[in-house]
Protein backbone atom coordinates (compact mmCIF):
# COMPACT_ATOMS: atom_id res chain seq x y z
CA MET A 1 22.37 -75.53 -2.99
CA ILE A 2 19.03 -74.36 -4.37
CA VAL A 3 18.18 -70.69 -3.77
CA GLY A 4 14.60 -69.47 -4.21
CA LEU A 5 13.61 -65.81 -4.54
CA PHE A 6 9.91 -65.15 -3.93
CA PRO A 7 7.78 -61.97 -3.88
CA GLY A 8 5.65 -63.42 -1.05
CA LEU A 9 4.71 -66.76 0.44
CA ALA A 10 2.44 -66.12 3.42
CA SER A 11 -0.47 -64.06 2.13
CA VAL A 12 -3.57 -64.98 0.13
CA GLY A 13 -3.42 -64.89 -3.66
CA GLY A 14 -2.64 -66.98 -6.70
CA VAL A 15 1.00 -65.84 -6.95
CA GLN A 16 1.57 -66.62 -3.28
CA MET A 17 -0.15 -69.99 -3.51
CA ALA A 18 1.92 -70.91 -6.55
CA GLY A 19 5.01 -69.75 -4.65
CA ARG A 20 4.26 -72.05 -1.74
CA GLN A 21 3.79 -75.00 -4.09
CA THR A 22 7.07 -74.20 -5.81
CA ALA A 23 8.99 -73.74 -2.55
CA ALA A 24 7.69 -77.06 -1.20
CA ALA A 25 8.64 -78.82 -4.43
CA LEU A 26 12.12 -77.25 -4.49
CA ALA A 27 12.69 -78.20 -0.85
CA SER A 28 11.70 -81.78 -1.65
CA ILE A 29 13.99 -81.84 -4.69
CA ALA A 30 16.91 -80.47 -2.67
CA CYS A 31 16.39 -83.06 0.07
CA GLU A 32 16.17 -85.86 -2.47
CA ARG A 33 19.50 -84.77 -4.00
CA GLY A 34 21.25 -84.22 -0.69
CA ARG A 35 21.44 -80.47 -1.25
CA SER A 36 20.55 -77.55 0.98
CA CYS A 37 17.94 -74.95 0.07
CA VAL A 38 17.43 -71.33 1.12
CA PHE A 39 14.31 -69.31 0.33
CA LEU A 40 13.99 -65.53 0.55
CA SER A 41 10.62 -63.75 0.49
CA LEU A 42 10.63 -60.02 -0.23
CA ASN A 43 7.20 -58.99 1.04
CA ASP A 44 6.68 -61.24 4.06
CA ALA A 45 7.32 -60.20 7.66
CA ASN A 46 10.88 -59.94 8.91
CA GLY A 47 12.57 -63.06 10.18
CA GLU A 48 12.48 -66.81 9.81
CA HIS A 49 9.21 -68.56 8.99
CA GLU A 50 8.00 -72.06 8.27
CA ALA A 51 5.22 -73.29 5.99
CA ALA A 52 3.95 -76.60 4.65
CA VAL A 53 2.26 -77.93 1.55
CA GLY A 54 0.81 -81.41 1.69
CA GLY A 55 3.00 -82.38 4.63
CA LEU A 56 6.19 -81.02 3.02
CA ARG A 57 7.62 -78.37 5.33
CA PHE A 58 10.03 -75.64 4.30
CA LYS A 59 11.61 -72.58 5.90
CA TYR A 60 12.02 -69.11 4.45
CA ARG A 61 13.21 -65.69 5.48
CA GLY A 62 11.07 -62.58 5.09
CA PHE A 63 12.31 -59.04 4.47
CA ALA A 64 9.23 -56.85 5.08
CA ARG A 65 9.46 -55.24 1.63
CA SER A 66 13.05 -54.05 2.15
CA LYS A 67 14.51 -54.46 -1.33
CA SER A 68 18.00 -53.41 -0.20
CA ARG A 69 18.23 -56.07 2.53
CA PHE A 70 16.67 -58.65 0.21
CA ILE A 71 19.28 -57.96 -2.48
CA VAL A 72 22.18 -58.04 0.00
CA ALA A 73 21.01 -61.43 1.32
CA ALA A 74 20.63 -62.78 -2.22
CA LEU A 75 24.13 -61.70 -3.21
CA ARG A 76 25.60 -63.30 -0.10
CA LEU A 77 23.95 -66.57 -1.08
CA ALA A 78 25.37 -66.22 -4.60
CA ARG A 79 28.88 -66.29 -3.13
CA ALA A 80 28.08 -69.78 -1.80
CA ARG A 81 27.92 -70.91 -5.44
CA PRO A 82 24.38 -72.37 -5.61
CA ASP A 83 23.52 -74.90 -8.31
CA VAL A 84 20.06 -73.47 -9.01
CA ILE A 85 18.74 -69.93 -8.58
CA PHE A 86 14.96 -69.83 -8.90
CA ALA A 87 13.28 -66.42 -9.28
CA ALA A 88 9.55 -66.96 -8.77
CA HIS A 89 8.47 -63.75 -10.54
CA PRO A 90 9.87 -61.71 -13.47
CA ASN A 91 10.29 -58.73 -11.13
CA LEU A 92 12.97 -60.73 -9.32
CA ALA A 93 14.76 -61.86 -12.48
CA PRO A 94 17.29 -58.96 -12.45
CA ILE A 95 18.44 -59.99 -8.95
CA ALA A 96 18.90 -63.56 -10.15
CA ALA A 97 20.87 -62.27 -13.13
CA VAL A 98 23.27 -60.38 -10.85
CA MET A 99 23.63 -63.48 -8.65
CA LYS A 100 24.65 -65.38 -11.77
CA LEU A 101 27.65 -63.05 -12.15
CA LEU A 102 28.92 -64.31 -8.78
CA ALA A 103 27.86 -67.93 -9.29
CA ARG A 104 28.68 -68.46 -12.94
CA ARG A 105 27.88 -72.18 -12.96
CA ALA A 106 24.41 -71.68 -11.50
CA GLN A 107 21.29 -72.45 -13.48
CA VAL A 108 18.89 -69.49 -13.39
CA ILE A 109 15.19 -70.36 -13.69
CA VAL A 110 12.55 -67.62 -13.78
CA GLY A 111 8.90 -68.37 -13.08
CA THR A 112 6.07 -66.39 -14.65
CA HIS A 113 2.35 -66.30 -13.93
CA GLY A 114 0.45 -64.55 -16.70
CA ILE A 115 -0.83 -61.02 -16.90
CA GLU A 116 2.48 -59.51 -15.72
CA VAL A 117 4.11 -60.53 -19.04
CA TRP A 118 1.22 -59.62 -21.34
CA GLN A 119 2.72 -56.16 -21.88
CA PRO A 120 6.41 -55.40 -22.57
CA LEU A 121 8.42 -55.38 -19.36
CA PRO A 122 10.97 -52.67 -18.54
CA ALA A 123 14.25 -53.19 -20.36
CA LEU A 124 16.17 -54.49 -17.35
CA ARG A 125 13.61 -57.19 -16.59
CA ARG A 126 13.35 -58.24 -20.23
CA LYS A 127 17.13 -58.53 -20.45
CA ALA A 128 17.12 -60.67 -17.31
CA LEU A 129 14.46 -62.94 -18.79
CA HIS A 130 16.51 -63.27 -21.98
CA SER A 131 19.63 -64.24 -20.04
CA ALA A 132 17.93 -66.86 -17.83
CA SER A 133 18.74 -70.51 -18.40
CA MET A 134 15.02 -71.27 -18.50
CA VAL A 135 11.72 -69.40 -18.18
CA LEU A 136 8.66 -71.27 -16.92
CA ALA A 137 5.10 -70.55 -18.00
CA PRO A 138 1.97 -72.03 -16.39
CA SER A 139 -0.05 -71.99 -19.62
CA SER A 140 0.32 -72.11 -23.39
CA ASP A 141 -0.92 -68.54 -23.64
CA THR A 142 1.72 -67.22 -21.21
CA ALA A 143 4.38 -69.15 -23.12
CA ARG A 144 3.29 -67.43 -26.34
CA LYS A 145 3.31 -64.02 -24.63
CA LEU A 146 6.86 -64.65 -23.43
CA THR A 147 7.96 -65.19 -27.01
CA PHE A 148 5.95 -62.59 -28.90
CA VAL A 149 5.73 -59.83 -26.27
CA GLN A 150 8.91 -60.26 -24.24
CA GLY A 151 11.15 -61.70 -26.97
CA VAL A 152 12.23 -64.78 -25.00
CA ARG A 153 13.50 -67.54 -27.26
CA ALA A 154 10.95 -70.33 -27.55
CA GLU A 155 13.58 -72.97 -26.84
CA ASN A 156 14.24 -71.37 -23.44
CA ILE A 157 10.60 -71.64 -22.35
CA ARG A 158 9.08 -74.62 -20.54
CA ARG A 159 5.46 -75.15 -19.49
CA LEU A 160 4.82 -75.89 -15.83
CA PRO A 161 1.09 -75.81 -14.98
CA TRP A 162 0.33 -75.07 -11.35
CA PRO A 163 -0.95 -77.94 -9.22
CA LEU A 164 -3.91 -78.03 -6.91
CA ASP A 165 -2.94 -77.69 -3.26
CA PRO A 166 -2.87 -81.29 -1.95
CA ASP A 167 -4.47 -80.19 1.34
CA PHE A 168 -7.35 -78.67 -0.62
CA LEU A 169 -7.66 -81.84 -2.69
CA ASN A 170 -8.01 -83.80 0.54
CA LEU A 171 -10.98 -81.58 1.47
CA ALA A 172 -12.53 -82.28 -1.94
CA ASN A 173 -12.13 -86.02 -1.38
CA LEU A 174 -14.10 -85.83 1.90
CA PRO A 175 -16.59 -82.96 1.51
CA GLY A 176 -19.30 -84.26 3.83
CA ASN A 177 -18.27 -82.50 7.05
CA LEU A 178 -17.21 -79.11 5.68
CA PRO A 179 -18.68 -76.08 7.53
CA LEU A 180 -20.91 -74.12 5.17
CA PRO A 181 -21.06 -70.37 5.98
CA SER A 182 -24.35 -69.39 7.62
CA GLN A 183 -25.05 -66.75 4.95
CA PHE A 184 -24.81 -69.27 2.09
CA PRO A 185 -28.20 -69.35 0.30
CA HIS A 186 -30.42 -72.30 -0.60
CA GLY A 187 -31.38 -73.10 -4.18
CA ARG A 188 -29.42 -73.35 -7.41
CA ILE A 189 -26.02 -71.80 -6.82
CA VAL A 190 -23.57 -70.20 -9.23
CA LEU A 191 -20.31 -69.63 -7.35
CA SER A 192 -17.43 -67.31 -8.19
CA VAL A 193 -14.26 -66.79 -6.17
CA GLY A 194 -11.82 -63.95 -6.63
CA ARG A 195 -10.29 -60.73 -5.44
CA TRP A 196 -12.94 -58.11 -6.17
CA ALA A 197 -10.68 -55.10 -6.59
CA ALA A 198 -11.18 -52.06 -8.80
CA SER A 199 -7.84 -52.86 -10.43
CA GLU A 200 -9.08 -56.37 -11.32
CA ARG A 201 -12.50 -55.74 -12.83
CA TYR A 202 -11.42 -57.96 -15.70
CA LYS A 203 -12.54 -60.89 -13.53
CA GLY A 204 -16.08 -60.27 -14.74
CA ALA A 205 -18.22 -59.95 -11.60
CA ASP A 206 -20.33 -57.33 -13.40
CA LEU A 207 -21.12 -59.83 -16.16
CA LEU A 208 -22.17 -62.45 -13.64
CA ILE A 209 -24.53 -60.06 -11.86
CA HIS A 210 -26.19 -59.06 -15.14
CA ALA A 211 -26.46 -62.71 -16.21
CA ILE A 212 -28.15 -63.68 -12.95
CA SER A 213 -30.55 -60.74 -13.32
CA GLU A 214 -31.57 -62.10 -16.70
CA LEU A 215 -31.85 -65.74 -15.63
CA THR A 216 -33.86 -65.32 -12.41
CA GLN A 217 -36.91 -64.82 -14.59
CA GLU A 218 -36.51 -68.45 -15.70
CA PHE A 219 -34.96 -69.93 -12.54
CA SER A 220 -36.57 -68.31 -9.52
CA ASP A 221 -34.37 -70.17 -7.02
CA LEU A 222 -31.11 -69.11 -8.71
CA HIS A 223 -28.44 -67.41 -6.61
CA LEU A 224 -24.99 -65.99 -7.33
CA VAL A 225 -22.41 -66.22 -4.55
CA LEU A 226 -19.33 -64.02 -4.89
CA VAL A 227 -16.65 -65.09 -2.40
CA GLY A 228 -13.69 -62.82 -1.72
CA GLU A 229 -12.52 -59.42 -0.50
CA GLY A 230 -11.66 -56.23 -2.37
CA ASP A 231 -12.22 -52.50 -2.64
CA ASP A 232 -14.72 -52.94 -5.49
CA LEU A 233 -17.32 -54.69 -3.34
CA PRO A 234 -19.36 -51.53 -2.56
CA ARG A 235 -19.75 -50.81 -6.28
CA LEU A 236 -20.72 -54.41 -7.00
CA GLU A 237 -23.32 -54.34 -4.23
CA LYS A 238 -24.85 -51.20 -5.74
CA LEU A 239 -24.82 -52.86 -9.15
CA ALA A 240 -26.69 -55.87 -7.78
CA LEU A 241 -29.27 -53.55 -6.22
CA ALA A 242 -29.71 -51.61 -9.47
CA ALA A 243 -30.15 -54.87 -11.38
CA ASN A 244 -32.96 -55.92 -9.02
CA THR A 245 -30.94 -58.92 -7.82
CA ARG A 246 -30.40 -57.90 -4.19
CA ASP A 247 -32.01 -61.13 -2.96
CA ASN A 248 -30.21 -63.30 -5.51
CA VAL A 249 -26.62 -62.02 -5.30
CA HIS A 250 -24.66 -62.73 -2.12
CA PHE A 251 -21.24 -61.37 -1.13
CA ILE A 252 -19.29 -63.51 1.34
CA SER A 253 -15.82 -62.70 2.66
CA GLY A 254 -13.44 -63.62 5.46
CA LEU A 255 -13.82 -67.38 5.00
CA SER A 256 -11.51 -70.06 6.32
CA ARG A 257 -10.11 -72.60 3.88
CA ASP A 258 -12.62 -75.19 5.07
CA GLU A 259 -15.54 -72.77 4.63
CA LEU A 260 -14.36 -71.91 1.11
CA ALA A 261 -14.17 -75.61 0.32
CA ALA A 262 -17.72 -76.01 1.62
CA CYS A 263 -18.89 -73.32 -0.84
CA TYR A 264 -17.38 -75.27 -3.72
CA ALA A 265 -19.04 -78.45 -2.48
CA ALA A 266 -22.46 -76.78 -2.19
CA CYS A 267 -22.57 -74.94 -5.52
CA ASP A 268 -23.98 -76.23 -8.80
CA ILE A 269 -21.78 -74.28 -11.22
CA PHE A 270 -18.53 -72.35 -10.89
CA ALA A 271 -18.11 -69.34 -13.18
CA LEU A 272 -15.39 -66.73 -13.57
CA PRO A 273 -15.66 -64.86 -16.91
CA SER A 274 -12.22 -63.30 -16.48
CA THR A 275 -10.22 -61.84 -19.33
CA GLY A 276 -6.94 -61.61 -17.40
CA GLU A 277 -6.13 -65.05 -15.98
CA GLY A 278 -2.65 -66.32 -16.72
CA PHE A 279 -3.74 -69.67 -15.30
CA GLY A 280 -6.71 -69.82 -12.89
CA LEU A 281 -6.20 -71.92 -9.76
CA VAL A 282 -9.79 -71.34 -8.65
CA PHE A 283 -11.00 -73.37 -11.63
CA LEU A 284 -8.93 -76.33 -10.40
CA GLU A 285 -10.41 -75.94 -6.92
CA ALA A 286 -13.96 -76.04 -8.25
CA MET A 287 -13.19 -78.93 -10.58
CA ALA A 288 -11.75 -80.93 -7.68
CA PHE A 289 -15.27 -80.83 -6.19
CA GLN A 290 -16.65 -82.18 -9.48
CA LYS A 291 -18.27 -78.93 -10.54
CA PRO A 292 -18.66 -77.83 -14.17
CA VAL A 293 -16.80 -74.59 -14.78
CA ILE A 294 -17.41 -71.59 -17.03
CA GLY A 295 -14.55 -69.37 -18.16
CA THR A 296 -13.54 -67.31 -21.17
CA THR A 297 -11.52 -68.21 -24.23
CA LEU A 298 -8.73 -65.84 -23.17
CA GLY A 299 -5.49 -66.30 -21.23
CA GLY A 300 -4.62 -69.59 -19.63
CA ILE A 301 -8.21 -70.70 -19.03
CA PRO A 302 -8.52 -72.85 -22.22
CA ASP A 303 -5.62 -74.97 -20.92
CA ILE A 304 -7.79 -75.91 -17.93
CA ILE A 305 -11.35 -76.07 -19.33
CA GLU A 306 -12.07 -78.43 -22.20
CA ASP A 307 -15.06 -76.79 -23.84
CA GLY A 308 -18.13 -79.01 -23.74
CA ILE A 309 -16.30 -81.70 -21.76
CA THR A 310 -15.38 -80.30 -18.34
CA GLY A 311 -17.11 -76.95 -18.71
CA ILE A 312 -17.98 -74.20 -21.15
CA LEU A 313 -15.79 -71.47 -22.64
CA VAL A 314 -17.58 -68.21 -23.42
CA GLU A 315 -16.64 -65.36 -25.71
CA PRO A 316 -15.61 -62.34 -23.59
CA ASN A 317 -17.07 -59.69 -25.91
CA ASN A 318 -20.42 -61.41 -26.44
CA SER A 319 -22.96 -60.25 -23.83
CA SER A 320 -25.27 -63.20 -24.48
CA SER A 321 -22.57 -65.86 -24.26
CA LEU A 322 -22.41 -66.11 -20.45
CA PRO A 323 -26.19 -66.24 -19.80
CA ARG A 324 -26.52 -68.82 -22.56
CA ALA A 325 -23.83 -71.06 -21.02
CA LEU A 326 -25.42 -70.81 -17.58
CA ARG A 327 -28.85 -71.57 -19.02
CA VAL A 328 -27.55 -74.71 -20.74
CA LEU A 329 -26.08 -76.09 -17.52
CA LEU A 330 -29.03 -75.09 -15.33
CA SER A 331 -31.48 -76.75 -17.71
CA ASN A 332 -29.69 -80.09 -18.04
CA ASP A 333 -28.83 -81.98 -14.86
CA ASP A 334 -27.20 -84.89 -16.67
CA LEU A 335 -24.96 -82.58 -18.69
CA ARG A 336 -23.99 -80.58 -15.62
CA LEU A 337 -23.20 -83.62 -13.49
CA GLY A 338 -21.31 -85.33 -16.31
CA MET A 339 -19.10 -82.31 -16.90
CA GLY A 340 -18.45 -82.10 -13.19
CA GLN A 341 -17.38 -85.71 -12.97
CA ARG A 342 -14.99 -85.34 -15.89
CA ALA A 343 -13.64 -82.11 -14.37
CA GLY A 344 -12.78 -83.94 -11.16
CA GLU A 345 -11.03 -86.70 -13.08
CA PHE A 346 -9.03 -84.16 -15.10
CA VAL A 347 -7.71 -82.35 -12.02
CA ARG A 348 -6.61 -85.53 -10.32
CA ALA A 349 -4.91 -86.87 -13.46
CA HIS A 350 -3.08 -83.72 -14.57
CA HIS A 351 -2.77 -81.24 -11.70
CA GLY A 352 -1.59 -83.24 -8.72
CA PHE A 353 1.33 -81.95 -6.66
CA GLU A 354 3.51 -84.98 -7.37
CA CYS A 355 3.21 -84.43 -11.12
CA PHE A 356 4.22 -80.80 -10.62
CA ARG A 357 7.17 -81.73 -8.40
CA ALA A 358 8.43 -84.36 -10.84
CA THR A 359 8.27 -81.95 -13.78
CA LEU A 360 10.10 -79.23 -11.85
CA ALA A 361 12.73 -81.75 -10.76
CA GLY A 362 13.34 -82.56 -14.40
CA TYR A 363 13.92 -78.89 -15.16
CA CYS A 364 16.27 -78.25 -12.23
CA GLY A 365 19.73 -79.26 -13.31
CA SER A 366 18.87 -79.41 -17.02
CA SER A 367 19.60 -76.75 -19.62
CA ALA A 368 16.89 -75.26 -21.79
């Protein structure tokens, strides 16, 4: 039996999306090996649910944020002596560690994402990470943080980059009929996608607004489109007004998956000057549509963007770095289109779901 512990699988977000990919892969691995699988999701609605990734369906049980009921269910599963216990977030590692006491032969794998391990975890979670059979990291930077910040032995860490959702890749392969939102502007488009929350200002929306303000003097038809929800949107709208970019900065929210895909297809450049990305799935989404991407040199982004080849990496503390990168791409169509083509090739070669599933299958049942 394979048991998966997840913080959430149904809602929007990078952690949830990665969780769905992992659950689908684990379900496929279990089926291939003739094993059963059971997935528990702490934060999703009570009861049994079903989801699918790329045609692979899996079931899971939600606990509506009830930690006590979640733990009781996990311990009951441990008594069934599972072969693999997968904790999809370090916060769930202590539960997996207790399950291991009841299922001593089980392999405990803990998944990490990025920023949550950039600072020392509480002692109990660190101890649980140390005792795991294997800890997975989506990027080289997160792997280093696990060693130097959390004290996990390097030989117990394995890299497992997240894949692009195969359903989203299908949209990128046939972009012609995607429904573009009515409020999407015409002209040269710089697109950014994220959760615009006050707690996540590290994503760099402020920097993008200031860069567009500077560049509209050279490129009069330039527009910035910020897609996403969040409690920081009113402040960002005021910032755009103060920067005299009210007509050039557009905030769009509440999009369907197909509408979001249409935004990627219609943009010229994707940019997210974030300083807190453990990986950055949105870069893969943009690259799947053959768009050049701009990100920072921090976190997991350099694992995705090859500077000067598939996009441009900018220095986070250099105020002129982002406008300069945008100017280079806006001024050179051949460079921009060439980077976009190579970006699309990179995603399809290295971040397909089957590659992810095969790598995870190799880790399940092996010791670190």
